[in-house]
Amino acid sequence: MQLRLLPLYRQLAFAPSFWSFTFPWSAVVTDALRWIGLERPAAAAILAGVALGGLSALVGGIALRSLIALRRGTFLPARPATIPAAGRAPIPGPGPTVLDAQLKGR
């Protein structure tokens, strides 16, 4: 399923959240290596090498993109707008709630 979405993922702008792909793929490769160890299929060493190579490429690629983004200063999102200084008008929020009306009536 995830392989089918690769073209879509490649169009996304890189973000720290890409690291979330490393855990599930590490789990998939771990299970594949366990299966290879138990079943000993033909070309087991090649299958294990492909699985580990693919995982290493994924983690290495994300690490490289993270380093590039850190160097450019784009790894983390921009800081939020500053809070208004004392004496300025507060930022408008939601209006009074039903609970506010009930508490005011006491």
PDB file of N, CA and C in Angstrom:
ATOM      1  N   MET A   1       0.826  -1.197   0.000  1.00  0.00           N
ATOM      2  CA  MET A   1       0.000   0.000   0.000  1.00  0.00           C
ATOM      3  C   MET A   1       0.872   1.263   0.000  1.00  0.00           C
ATOM      4  N   GLN A   2       1.868   1.307   0.874  1.00  0.00           N
ATOM      5  CA  GLN A   2       2.711   2.497   0.961  1.00  0.00           C
ATOM      6  C   GLN A   2       3.522   2.708  -0.323  1.00  0.00           C
ATOM      7  N   LEU A   3       3.944   1.624  -0.939  1.00  0.00           N
ATOM      8  CA  LEU A   3       4.729   1.756  -2.170  1.00  0.00           C
ATOM      9  C   LEU A   3       3.927   2.438  -3.269  1.00  0.00           C
ATOM     10  N   ARG A   4       2.640   2.185  -3.297  1.00  0.00           N
ATOM     11  CA  ARG A   4       1.775   2.806  -4.295  1.00  0.00           C
ATOM     12  C   ARG A   4       1.700   4.322  -4.103  1.00  0.00           C
ATOM     13  N   LEU A   5       1.900   4.782  -2.868  1.00  0.00           N
ATOM     14  CA  LEU A   5       1.804   6.208  -2.560  1.00  0.00           C
ATOM     15  C   LEU A   5       3.127   6.958  -2.721  1.00  0.00           C
ATOM     16  N   LEU A   6       4.199   6.257  -3.069  1.00  0.00           N
ATOM     17  CA  LEU A   6       5.507   6.913  -3.202  1.00  0.00           C
ATOM     18  C   LEU A   6       5.497   8.129  -4.129  1.00  0.00           C
ATOM     19  N   PRO A   7       4.853   8.077  -5.299  1.00  0.00           N
ATOM     20  CA  PRO A   7       4.841   9.282  -6.144  1.00  0.00           C
ATOM     21  C   PRO A   7       4.209  10.490  -5.432  1.00  0.00           C
ATOM     22  N   LEU A   8       3.195  10.238  -4.633  1.00  0.00           N
ATOM     23  CA  LEU A   8       2.557  11.323  -3.885  1.00  0.00           C
ATOM     24  C   LEU A   8       3.490  11.859  -2.800  1.00  0.00           C
ATOM     25  N   TYR A   9       4.150  10.951  -2.078  1.00  0.00           N
ATOM     26  CA  TYR A   9       5.073  11.368  -1.023  1.00  0.00           C
ATOM     27  C   TYR A   9       6.220  12.194  -1.587  1.00  0.00           C
ATOM     28  N   ARG A  10       6.673  11.852  -2.782  1.00  0.00           N
ATOM     29  CA  ARG A  10       7.801  12.573  -3.377  1.00  0.00           C
ATOM     30  C   ARG A  10       7.441  14.017  -3.728  1.00  0.00           C
ATOM     31  N   GLN A  11       6.161  14.308  -3.882  1.00  0.00           N
ATOM     32  CA  GLN A  11       5.724  15.666  -4.219  1.00  0.00           C
ATOM     33  C   GLN A  11       5.597  16.551  -2.975  1.00  0.00           C
ATOM     34  N   LEU A  12       5.570  15.957  -1.784  1.00  0.00           N
ATOM     35  CA  LEU A  12       5.403  16.724  -0.554  1.00  0.00           C
ATOM     36  C   LEU A  12       6.681  17.468  -0.198  1.00  0.00           C
ATOM     37  N   ALA A  13       6.522  18.604   0.443  1.00  0.00           N
ATOM     38  CA  ALA A  13       7.683  19.326   0.965  1.00  0.00           C
ATOM     39  C   ALA A  13       8.212  18.561   2.172  1.00  0.00           C
ATOM     40  N   PHE A  14       9.528  18.489   2.318  1.00  0.00           N
ATOM     41  CA  PHE A  14      10.113  17.730   3.424  1.00  0.00           C
ATOM     42  C   PHE A  14       9.761  18.390   4.752  1.00  0.00           C
ATOM     43  N   ALA A  15       9.480  17.567   5.754  1.00  0.00           N
ATOM     44  CA  ALA A  15       9.161  18.041   7.097  1.00  0.00           C
ATOM     45  C   ALA A  15       9.704  17.027   8.100  1.00  0.00           C
ATOM     46  N   PRO A  16       9.916  17.440   9.357  1.00  0.00           N
ATOM     47  CA  PRO A  16      10.393  16.497  10.369  1.00  0.00           C
ATOM     48  C   PRO A  16       9.479  15.284  10.535  1.00  0.00           C
ATOM     49  N   SER A  17       8.223  15.432  10.181  1.00  0.00           N
ATOM     50  CA  SER A  17       7.278  14.323  10.322  1.00  0.00           C
ATOM     51  C   SER A  17       7.616  13.145   9.406  1.00  0.00           C
ATOM     52  N   PHE A  18       8.498  13.335   8.435  1.00  0.00           N
ATOM     53  CA  PHE A  18       8.902  12.220   7.581  1.00  0.00           C
ATOM     54  C   PHE A  18       9.609  11.132   8.388  1.00  0.00           C
ATOM     55  N   TRP A  19      10.155  11.499   9.556  1.00  0.00           N
ATOM     56  CA  TRP A  19      10.792  10.502  10.410  1.00  0.00           C
ATOM     57  C   TRP A  19       9.783   9.450  10.874  1.00  0.00           C
ATOM     58  N   SER A  20       8.491   9.774  10.819  1.00  0.00           N
ATOM     59  CA  SER A  20       7.482   8.802  11.240  1.00  0.00           C
ATOM     60  C   SER A  20       7.421   7.593  10.308  1.00  0.00           C
ATOM     61  N   PHE A  21       7.981   7.700   9.117  1.00  0.00           N
ATOM     62  CA  PHE A  21       8.020   6.564   8.201  1.00  0.00           C
ATOM     63  C   PHE A  21       9.061   5.521   8.626  1.00  0.00           C
ATOM     64  N   THR A  22      10.059   5.937   9.388  1.00  0.00           N
ATOM     65  CA  THR A  22      11.159   5.016   9.698  1.00  0.00           C
ATOM     66  C   THR A  22      10.740   3.912  10.655  1.00  0.00           C
ATOM     67  N   PHE A  23       9.883   4.193  11.622  1.00  0.00           N
ATOM     68  CA  PHE A  23       9.509   3.146  12.581  1.00  0.00           C
ATOM     69  C   PHE A  23       8.724   2.012  11.933  1.00  0.00           C
ATOM     70  N   PRO A  24       7.626   2.296  11.224  1.00  0.00           N
ATOM     71  CA  PRO A  24       6.893   1.162  10.644  1.00  0.00           C
ATOM     72  C   PRO A  24       7.711   0.377   9.624  1.00  0.00           C
ATOM     73  N   TRP A  25       8.539   1.055   8.836  1.00  0.00           N
ATOM     74  CA  TRP A  25       9.350   0.319   7.861  1.00  0.00           C
ATOM     75  C   TRP A  25      10.430  -0.490   8.557  1.00  0.00           C
ATOM     76  N   SER A  26      10.947   0.002   9.673  1.00  0.00           N
ATOM     77  CA  SER A  26      11.905  -0.794  10.455  1.00  0.00           C
ATOM     78  C   SER A  26      11.231  -2.049  10.991  1.00  0.00           C
ATOM     79  N   ALA A  27       9.985  -1.921  11.438  1.00  0.00           N
ATOM     80  CA  ALA A  27       9.239  -3.077  11.926  1.00  0.00           C
ATOM     81  C   ALA A  27       8.981  -4.077  10.800  1.00  0.00           C
ATOM     82  N   VAL A  28       8.648  -3.577   9.616  1.00  0.00           N
ATOM     83  CA  VAL A  28       8.415  -4.463   8.466  1.00  0.00           C
ATOM     84  C   VAL A  28       9.693  -5.229   8.120  1.00  0.00           C
ATOM     85  N   VAL A  29      10.812  -4.536   8.075  1.00  0.00           N
ATOM     86  CA  VAL A  29      12.077  -5.192   7.737  1.00  0.00           C
ATOM     87  C   VAL A  29      12.469  -6.188   8.833  1.00  0.00           C
ATOM     88  N   THR A  30      12.249  -5.843  10.095  1.00  0.00           N
ATOM     89  CA  THR A  30      12.550  -6.773  11.189  1.00  0.00           C
ATOM     90  C   THR A  30      11.736  -8.051  11.045  1.00  0.00           C
ATOM     91  N   ASP A  31      10.443  -7.902  10.762  1.00  0.00           N
ATOM     92  CA  ASP A  31       9.602  -9.093  10.559  1.00  0.00           C
ATOM     93  C   ASP A  31      10.057  -9.888   9.336  1.00  0.00           C
ATOM     94  N   ALA A  32      10.439  -9.196   8.277  1.00  0.00           N
ATOM     95  CA  ALA A  32      10.922  -9.890   7.081  1.00  0.00           C
ATOM     96  C   ALA A  32      12.193 -10.671   7.388  1.00  0.00           C
ATOM     97  N   LEU A  33      13.099 -10.077   8.163  1.00  0.00           N
ATOM     98  CA  LEU A  33      14.337 -10.778   8.518  1.00  0.00           C
ATOM     99  C   LEU A  33      14.058 -11.991   9.399  1.00  0.00           C
ATOM    100  N   ARG A  34      13.091 -11.860  10.305  1.00  0.00           N
ATOM    101  CA  ARG A  34      12.715 -13.012  11.137  1.00  0.00           C
ATOM    102  C   ARG A  34      12.142 -14.128  10.258  1.00  0.00           C
ATOM    103  N   TRP A  35      11.289 -13.758   9.325  1.00  0.00           N
ATOM    104  CA  TRP A  35      10.708 -14.750   8.421  1.00  0.00           C
ATOM    105  C   TRP A  35      11.805 -15.425   7.597  1.00  0.00           C
ATOM    106  N   ILE A  36      12.728 -14.628   7.077  1.00  0.00           N
ATOM    107  CA  ILE A  36      13.837 -15.176   6.291  1.00  0.00           C
ATOM    108  C   ILE A  36      14.654 -16.141   7.149  1.00  0.00           C
ATOM    109  N   GLY A  37      14.890 -15.780   8.407  1.00  0.00           N
ATOM    110  CA  GLY A  37      15.649 -16.648   9.298  1.00  0.00           C
ATOM    111  C   GLY A  37      14.936 -17.948   9.615  1.00  0.00           C
ATOM    112  N   LEU A  38      13.630 -17.904   9.725  1.00  0.00           N
ATOM    113  CA  LEU A  38      12.860 -19.107  10.053  1.00  0.00           C
ATOM    114  C   LEU A  38      12.645 -20.009   8.837  1.00  0.00           C
ATOM    115  N   GLU A  39      12.274 -19.417   7.728  1.00  0.00           N
ATOM    116  CA  GLU A  39      11.920 -20.199   6.536  1.00  0.00           C
ATOM    117  C   GLU A  39      13.112 -20.548   5.659  1.00  0.00           C
ATOM    118  N   ARG A  40      14.158 -19.783   5.729  1.00  0.00           N
ATOM    119  CA  ARG A  40      15.359 -19.984   4.908  1.00  0.00           C
ATOM    120  C   ARG A  40      15.017 -20.221   3.425  1.00  0.00           C
ATOM    121  N   PRO A  41      14.368 -19.221   2.808  1.00  0.00           N
ATOM    122  CA  PRO A  41      14.029 -19.384   1.386  1.00  0.00           C
ATOM    123  C   PRO A  41      15.288 -19.331   0.523  1.00  0.00           C
ATOM    124  N   ALA A  42      15.103 -19.728  -0.731  1.00  0.00           N
ATOM    125  CA  ALA A  42      16.228 -19.615  -1.668  1.00  0.00           C
ATOM    126  C   ALA A  42      16.639 -18.155  -1.763  1.00  0.00           C
ATOM    127  N   ALA A  43      17.910 -17.906  -1.843  1.00  0.00           N
ATOM    128  CA  ALA A  43      18.458 -16.547  -1.933  1.00  0.00           C
ATOM    129  C   ALA A  43      18.135 -15.724  -0.686  1.00  0.00           C
ATOM    130  N   ALA A  44      18.180 -16.376   0.482  1.00  0.00           N
ATOM    131  CA  ALA A  44      17.869 -15.687   1.733  1.00  0.00           C
ATOM    132  C   ALA A  44      18.800 -14.496   1.968  1.00  0.00           C
ATOM    133  N   ALA A  45      20.070 -14.685   1.673  1.00  0.00           N
ATOM    134  CA  ALA A  45      21.034 -13.601   1.886  1.00  0.00           C
ATOM    135  C   ALA A  45      20.716 -12.408   0.989  1.00  0.00           C
ATOM    136  N   ILE A  46      20.296 -12.673  -0.226  1.00  0.00           N
ATOM    137  CA  ILE A  46      19.952 -11.579  -1.144  1.00  0.00           C
ATOM    138  C   ILE A  46      18.701 -10.857  -0.655  1.00  0.00           C
ATOM    139  N   LEU A  47      17.690 -11.603  -0.234  1.00  0.00           N
ATOM    140  CA  LEU A  47      16.461 -10.989   0.293  1.00  0.00           C
ATOM    141  C   LEU A  47      16.760 -10.129   1.516  1.00  0.00           C
ATOM    142  N   ALA A  48      17.579 -10.654   2.421  1.00  0.00           N
ATOM    143  CA  ALA A  48      17.930  -9.896   3.621  1.00  0.00           C
ATOM    144  C   ALA A  48      18.703  -8.631   3.249  1.00  0.00           C
ATOM    145  N   GLY A  49      19.614  -8.763   2.301  1.00  0.00           N
ATOM    146  CA  GLY A  49      20.390  -7.600   1.868  1.00  0.00           C
ATOM    147  C   GLY A  49      19.528  -6.525   1.231  1.00  0.00           C
ATOM    148  N   VAL A  50      18.569  -6.953   0.417  1.00  0.00           N
ATOM    149  CA  VAL A  50      17.654  -5.993  -0.219  1.00  0.00           C
ATOM    150  C   VAL A  50      16.809  -5.294   0.836  1.00  0.00           C
ATOM    151  N   ALA A  51      16.300  -6.059   1.808  1.00  0.00           N
ATOM    152  CA  ALA A  51      15.468  -5.472   2.862  1.00  0.00           C
ATOM    153  C   ALA A  51      16.271  -4.463   3.683  1.00  0.00           C
ATOM    154  N   LEU A  52      17.473  -4.866   4.112  1.00  0.00           N
ATOM    155  CA  LEU A  52      18.301  -3.952   4.907  1.00  0.00           C
ATOM    156  C   LEU A  52      18.790  -2.763   4.082  1.00  0.00           C
ATOM    157  N   GLY A  53      19.107  -3.001   2.828  1.00  0.00           N
ATOM    158  CA  GLY A  53      19.536  -1.901   1.958  1.00  0.00           C
ATOM    159  C   GLY A  53      18.429  -0.886   1.736  1.00  0.00           C
ATOM    160  N   GLY A  54      17.212  -1.384   1.523  1.00  0.00           N
ATOM    161  CA  GLY A  54      16.075  -0.473   1.352  1.00  0.00           C
ATOM    162  C   GLY A  54      15.810   0.347   2.591  1.00  0.00           C
ATOM    163  N   LEU A  55      15.851  -0.315   3.754  1.00  0.00           N
ATOM    164  CA  LEU A  55      15.633   0.417   5.006  1.00  0.00           C
ATOM    165  C   LEU A  55      16.744   1.440   5.232  1.00  0.00           C
ATOM    166  N   SER A  56      17.979   1.036   4.974  1.00  0.00           N
ATOM    167  CA  SER A  56      19.109   1.966   5.142  1.00  0.00           C
ATOM    168  C   SER A  56      18.984   3.161   4.205  1.00  0.00           C
ATOM    169  N   ALA A  57      18.527   2.925   2.985  1.00  0.00           N
ATOM    170  CA  ALA A  57      18.337   4.031   2.037  1.00  0.00           C
ATOM    171  C   ALA A  57      17.247   4.980   2.528  1.00  0.00           C
ATOM    172  N   LEU A  58      16.160   4.416   3.069  1.00  0.00           N
ATOM    173  CA  LEU A  58      15.079   5.258   3.585  1.00  0.00           C
ATOM    174  C   LEU A  58      15.566   6.128   4.748  1.00  0.00           C
ATOM    175  N   VAL A  59      16.182   5.496   5.733  1.00  0.00           N
ATOM    176  CA  VAL A  59      16.653   6.244   6.911  1.00  0.00           C
ATOM    177  C   VAL A  59      17.758   7.215   6.512  1.00  0.00           C
ATOM    178  N   GLY A  60      18.667   6.769   5.675  1.00  0.00           N
ATOM    179  CA  GLY A  60      19.745   7.659   5.220  1.00  0.00           C
ATOM    180  C   GLY A  60      19.227   8.846   4.429  1.00  0.00           C
ATOM    181  N   GLY A  61      18.239   8.604   3.572  1.00  0.00           N
ATOM    182  CA  GLY A  61      17.646   9.701   2.795  1.00  0.00           C
ATOM    183  C   GLY A  61      16.947  10.717   3.677  1.00  0.00           C
ATOM    184  N   ILE A  62      16.208  10.233   4.661  1.00  0.00           N
ATOM    185  CA  ILE A  62      15.526  11.157   5.576  1.00  0.00           C
ATOM    186  C   ILE A  62      16.546  11.902   6.426  1.00  0.00           C
ATOM    187  N   ALA A  63      17.598  11.214   6.851  1.00  0.00           N
ATOM    188  CA  ALA A  63      18.650  11.888   7.619  1.00  0.00           C
ATOM    189  C   ALA A  63      19.328  12.975   6.786  1.00  0.00           C
ATOM    190  N   LEU A  64      19.623  12.648   5.539  1.00  0.00           N
ATOM    191  CA  LEU A  64      20.252  13.630   4.652  1.00  0.00           C
ATOM    192  C   LEU A  64      19.347  14.837   4.435  1.00  0.00           C
ATOM    193  N   ARG A  65      18.059  14.585   4.168  1.00  0.00           N
ATOM    194  CA  ARG A  65      17.116  15.697   3.976  1.00  0.00           C
ATOM    195  C   ARG A  65      16.982  16.523   5.253  1.00  0.00           C
ATOM    196  N   SER A  66      17.064  15.860   6.411  1.00  0.00           N
ATOM    197  CA  SER A  66      16.993  16.590   7.685  1.00  0.00           C
ATOM    198  C   SER A  66      18.208  17.502   7.845  1.00  0.00           C
ATOM    199  N   LEU A  67      19.383  16.984   7.522  1.00  0.00           N
ATOM    200  CA  LEU A  67      20.598  17.802   7.625  1.00  0.00           C
ATOM    201  C   LEU A  67      20.549  18.988   6.669  1.00  0.00           C
ATOM    202  N   ILE A  68      20.064  18.758   5.470  1.00  0.00           N
ATOM    203  CA  ILE A  68      19.938  19.853   4.492  1.00  0.00           C
ATOM    204  C   ILE A  68      18.962  20.901   5.015  1.00  0.00           C
ATOM    205  N   ALA A  69      17.833  20.449   5.549  1.00  0.00           N
ATOM    206  CA  ALA A  69      16.840  21.386   6.072  1.00  0.00           C
ATOM    207  C   ALA A  69      17.380  22.142   7.289  1.00  0.00           C
ATOM    208  N   LEU A  70      18.136  21.467   8.139  1.00  0.00           N
ATOM    209  CA  LEU A  70      18.752  22.151   9.289  1.00  0.00           C
ATOM    210  C   LEU A  70      19.712  23.233   8.815  1.00  0.00           C
ATOM    211  N   ARG A  71      20.502  22.902   7.817  1.00  0.00           N
ATOM    212  CA  ARG A  71      21.478  23.875   7.286  1.00  0.00           C
ATOM    213  C   ARG A  71      20.779  25.085   6.671  1.00  0.00           C
ATOM    214  N   ARG A  72      19.659  24.842   6.011  1.00  0.00           N
ATOM    215  CA  ARG A  72      18.897  25.939   5.390  1.00  0.00           C
ATOM    216  C   ARG A  72      18.026  26.692   6.392  1.00  0.00           C
ATOM    217  N   GLY A  73      17.847  26.126   7.579  1.00  0.00           N
ATOM    218  CA  GLY A  73      16.980  26.752   8.580  1.00  0.00           C
ATOM    219  C   GLY A  73      15.503  26.502   8.333  1.00  0.00           C
ATOM    220  N   THR A  74      15.186  25.442   7.607  1.00  0.00           N
ATOM    221  CA  THR A  74      13.785  25.148   7.291  1.00  0.00           C
ATOM    222  C   THR A  74      13.292  23.858   7.942  1.00  0.00           C
ATOM    223  N   PHE A  75      14.088  23.271   8.824  1.00  0.00           N
ATOM    224  CA  PHE A  75      13.706  21.991   9.419  1.00  0.00           C
ATOM    225  C   PHE A  75      12.488  22.129  10.331  1.00  0.00           C
ATOM    226  N   LEU A  76      12.488  23.144  11.171  1.00  0.00           N
ATOM    227  CA  LEU A  76      11.364  23.375  12.072  1.00  0.00           C
ATOM    228  C   LEU A  76      10.488  24.490  11.529  1.00  0.00           C
ATOM    229  N   PRO A  77       9.181  24.466  11.866  1.00  0.00           N
ATOM    230  CA  PRO A  77       8.293  25.521  11.380  1.00  0.00           C
ATOM    231  C   PRO A  77       8.695  26.886  11.947  1.00  0.00           C
ATOM    232  N   ALA A  78       8.264  27.931  11.268  1.00  0.00           N
ATOM    233  CA  ALA A  78       8.558  29.292  11.720  1.00  0.00           C
ATOM    234  C   ALA A  78       7.923  29.540  13.081  1.00  0.00           C
ATOM    235  N   ARG A  79       8.510  30.455  13.821  1.00  0.00           N
ATOM    236  CA  ARG A  79       7.959  30.802  15.132  1.00  0.00           C
ATOM    237  C   ARG A  79       6.587  31.439  14.967  1.00  0.00           C
ATOM    238  N   PRO A  80       5.691  31.184  15.936  1.00  0.00           N
ATOM    239  CA  PRO A  80       4.368  31.817  15.860  1.00  0.00           C
ATOM    240  C   PRO A  80       4.478  33.319  16.104  1.00  0.00           C
ATOM    241  N   ALA A  81       3.437  34.033  15.747  1.00  0.00           N
ATOM    242  CA  ALA A  81       3.404  35.477  15.976  1.00  0.00           C
ATOM    243  C   ALA A  81       3.571  35.754  17.463  1.00  0.00           C
ATOM    244  N   THR A  82       4.162  36.887  17.769  1.00  0.00           N
ATOM    245  CA  THR A  82       4.405  37.221  19.173  1.00  0.00           C
ATOM    246  C   THR A  82       3.112  37.583  19.883  1.00  0.00           C
ATOM    247  N   ILE A  83       3.122  37.417  21.184  1.00  0.00           N
ATOM    248  CA  ILE A  83       1.973  37.763  22.019  1.00  0.00           C
ATOM    249  C   ILE A  83       1.969  39.279  22.195  1.00  0.00           C
ATOM    250  N   PRO A  84       0.800  39.926  22.137  1.00  0.00           N
ATOM    251  CA  PRO A  84       0.774  41.378  22.269  1.00  0.00           C
ATOM    252  C   PRO A  84       1.340  41.830  23.621  1.00  0.00           C
ATOM    253  N   ALA A  85       2.013  42.953  23.607  1.00  0.00           N
ATOM    254  CA  ALA A  85       2.588  43.503  24.835  1.00  0.00           C
ATOM    255  C   ALA A  85       1.479  44.008  25.750  1.00  0.00           C
ATOM    256  N   ALA A  86       1.823  44.179  27.030  1.00  0.00           N
ATOM    257  CA  ALA A  86       0.846  44.673  28.012  1.00  0.00           C
ATOM    258  C   ALA A  86       0.325  46.032  27.565  1.00  0.00           C
ATOM    259  N   GLY A  87      -0.945  46.257  27.783  1.00  0.00           N
ATOM    260  CA  GLY A  87      -1.549  47.520  27.420  1.00  0.00           C
ATOM    261  C   GLY A  87      -2.213  47.487  26.053  1.00  0.00           C
ATOM    262  N   ARG A  88      -1.945  46.492  25.273  1.00  0.00           N
ATOM    263  CA  ARG A  88      -2.586  46.384  23.967  1.00  0.00           C
ATOM    264  C   ARG A  88      -3.867  45.576  24.096  1.00  0.00           C
ATOM    265  N   ALA A  89      -4.689  45.674  23.096  1.00  0.00           N
ATOM    266  CA  ALA A  89      -5.960  44.948  23.109  1.00  0.00           C
ATOM    267  C   ALA A  89      -5.690  43.445  23.070  1.00  0.00           C
ATOM    268  N   PRO A  90      -6.452  42.681  23.845  1.00  0.00           N
ATOM    269  CA  PRO A  90      -6.246  41.232  23.831  1.00  0.00           C
ATOM    270  C   PRO A  90      -6.690  40.626  22.498  1.00  0.00           C
ATOM    271  N   ILE A  91      -6.175  39.469  22.232  1.00  0.00           N
ATOM    272  CA  ILE A  91      -6.562  38.752  21.026  1.00  0.00           C
ATOM    273  C   ILE A  91      -7.976  38.224  21.234  1.00  0.00           C
ATOM    274  N   PRO A  92      -8.884  38.488  20.300  1.00  0.00           N
ATOM    275  CA  PRO A  92     -10.259  38.019  20.504  1.00  0.00           C
ATOM    276  C   PRO A  92     -10.315  36.502  20.520  1.00  0.00           C
ATOM    277  N   GLY A  93     -11.154  35.977  21.390  1.00  0.00           N
ATOM    278  CA  GLY A  93     -11.330  34.537  21.514  1.00  0.00           C
ATOM    279  C   GLY A  93     -12.788  34.195  21.333  1.00  0.00           C
ATOM    280  N   PRO A  94     -13.159  32.973  21.689  1.00  0.00           N
ATOM    281  CA  PRO A  94     -14.560  32.583  21.563  1.00  0.00           C
ATOM    282  C   PRO A  94     -15.425  33.377  22.538  1.00  0.00           C
ATOM    283  N   GLY A  95     -16.668  33.540  22.190  1.00  0.00           N
ATOM    284  CA  GLY A  95     -17.595  34.281  23.044  1.00  0.00           C
ATOM    285  C   GLY A  95     -17.938  33.499  24.297  1.00  0.00           C
ATOM    286  N   PRO A  96     -18.806  34.069  25.138  1.00  0.00           N
ATOM    287  CA  PRO A  96     -19.175  33.385  26.370  1.00  0.00           C
ATOM    288  C   PRO A  96     -19.862  32.053  26.077  1.00  0.00           C
ATOM    289  N   THR A  97     -19.658  31.107  26.971  1.00  0.00           N
ATOM    290  CA  THR A  97     -20.261  29.786  26.807  1.00  0.00           C
ATOM    291  C   THR A  97     -21.480  29.667  27.700  1.00  0.00           C
ATOM    292  N   VAL A  98     -22.194  28.576  27.541  1.00  0.00           N
ATOM    293  CA  VAL A  98     -23.363  28.313  28.385  1.00  0.00           C
ATOM    294  C   VAL A  98     -22.922  28.210  29.839  1.00  0.00           C
ATOM    295  N   LEU A  99     -21.781  27.580  30.082  1.00  0.00           N
ATOM    296  CA  LEU A  99     -21.270  27.450  31.445  1.00  0.00           C
ATOM    297  C   LEU A  99     -20.977  28.817  32.043  1.00  0.00           C
ATOM    298  N   ASP A 100     -20.409  29.727  31.249  1.00  0.00           N
ATOM    299  CA  ASP A 100     -20.163  31.091  31.741  1.00  0.00           C
ATOM    300  C   ASP A 100     -21.461  31.749  32.179  1.00  0.00           C
ATOM    301  N   ALA A 101     -22.516  31.604  31.391  1.00  0.00           N
ATOM    302  CA  ALA A 101     -23.802  32.199  31.731  1.00  0.00           C
ATOM    303  C   ALA A 101     -24.366  31.580  33.015  1.00  0.00           C
ATOM    304  N   GLN A 102     -24.215  30.280  33.173  1.00  0.00           N
ATOM    305  CA  GLN A 102     -24.700  29.606  34.379  1.00  0.00           C
ATOM    306  C   GLN A 102     -23.944  30.067  35.610  1.00  0.00           C
ATOM    307  N   LEU A 103     -22.637  30.195  35.500  1.00  0.00           N
ATOM    308  CA  LEU A 103     -21.830  30.621  36.634  1.00  0.00           C
ATOM    309  C   LEU A 103     -22.105  32.082  37.004  1.00  0.00           C
ATOM    310  N   LYS A 104     -22.366  32.923  36.014  1.00  0.00           N
ATOM    311  CA  LYS A 104     -22.640  34.333  36.250  1.00  0.00           C
ATOM    312  C   LYS A 104     -23.968  34.501  36.982  1.00  0.00           C
ATOM    313  N   GLY A 105     -24.924  33.599  36.717  1.00  0.00           N
ATOM    314  CA  GLY A 105     -26.241  33.674  37.332  1.00  0.00           C
ATOM    315  C   GLY A 105     -26.238  33.269  38.811  1.00  0.00           C
ATOM    316  N   ARG A 106     -25.190  32.685  39.318  1.00  0.00           N
ATOM    317  CA  ARG A 106     -25.139  32.258  40.728  1.00  0.00           C
ATOM    318  C   ARG A 106     -24.921  33.382  41.659  1.00  0.00           C
TER     319      ARG A 106
END
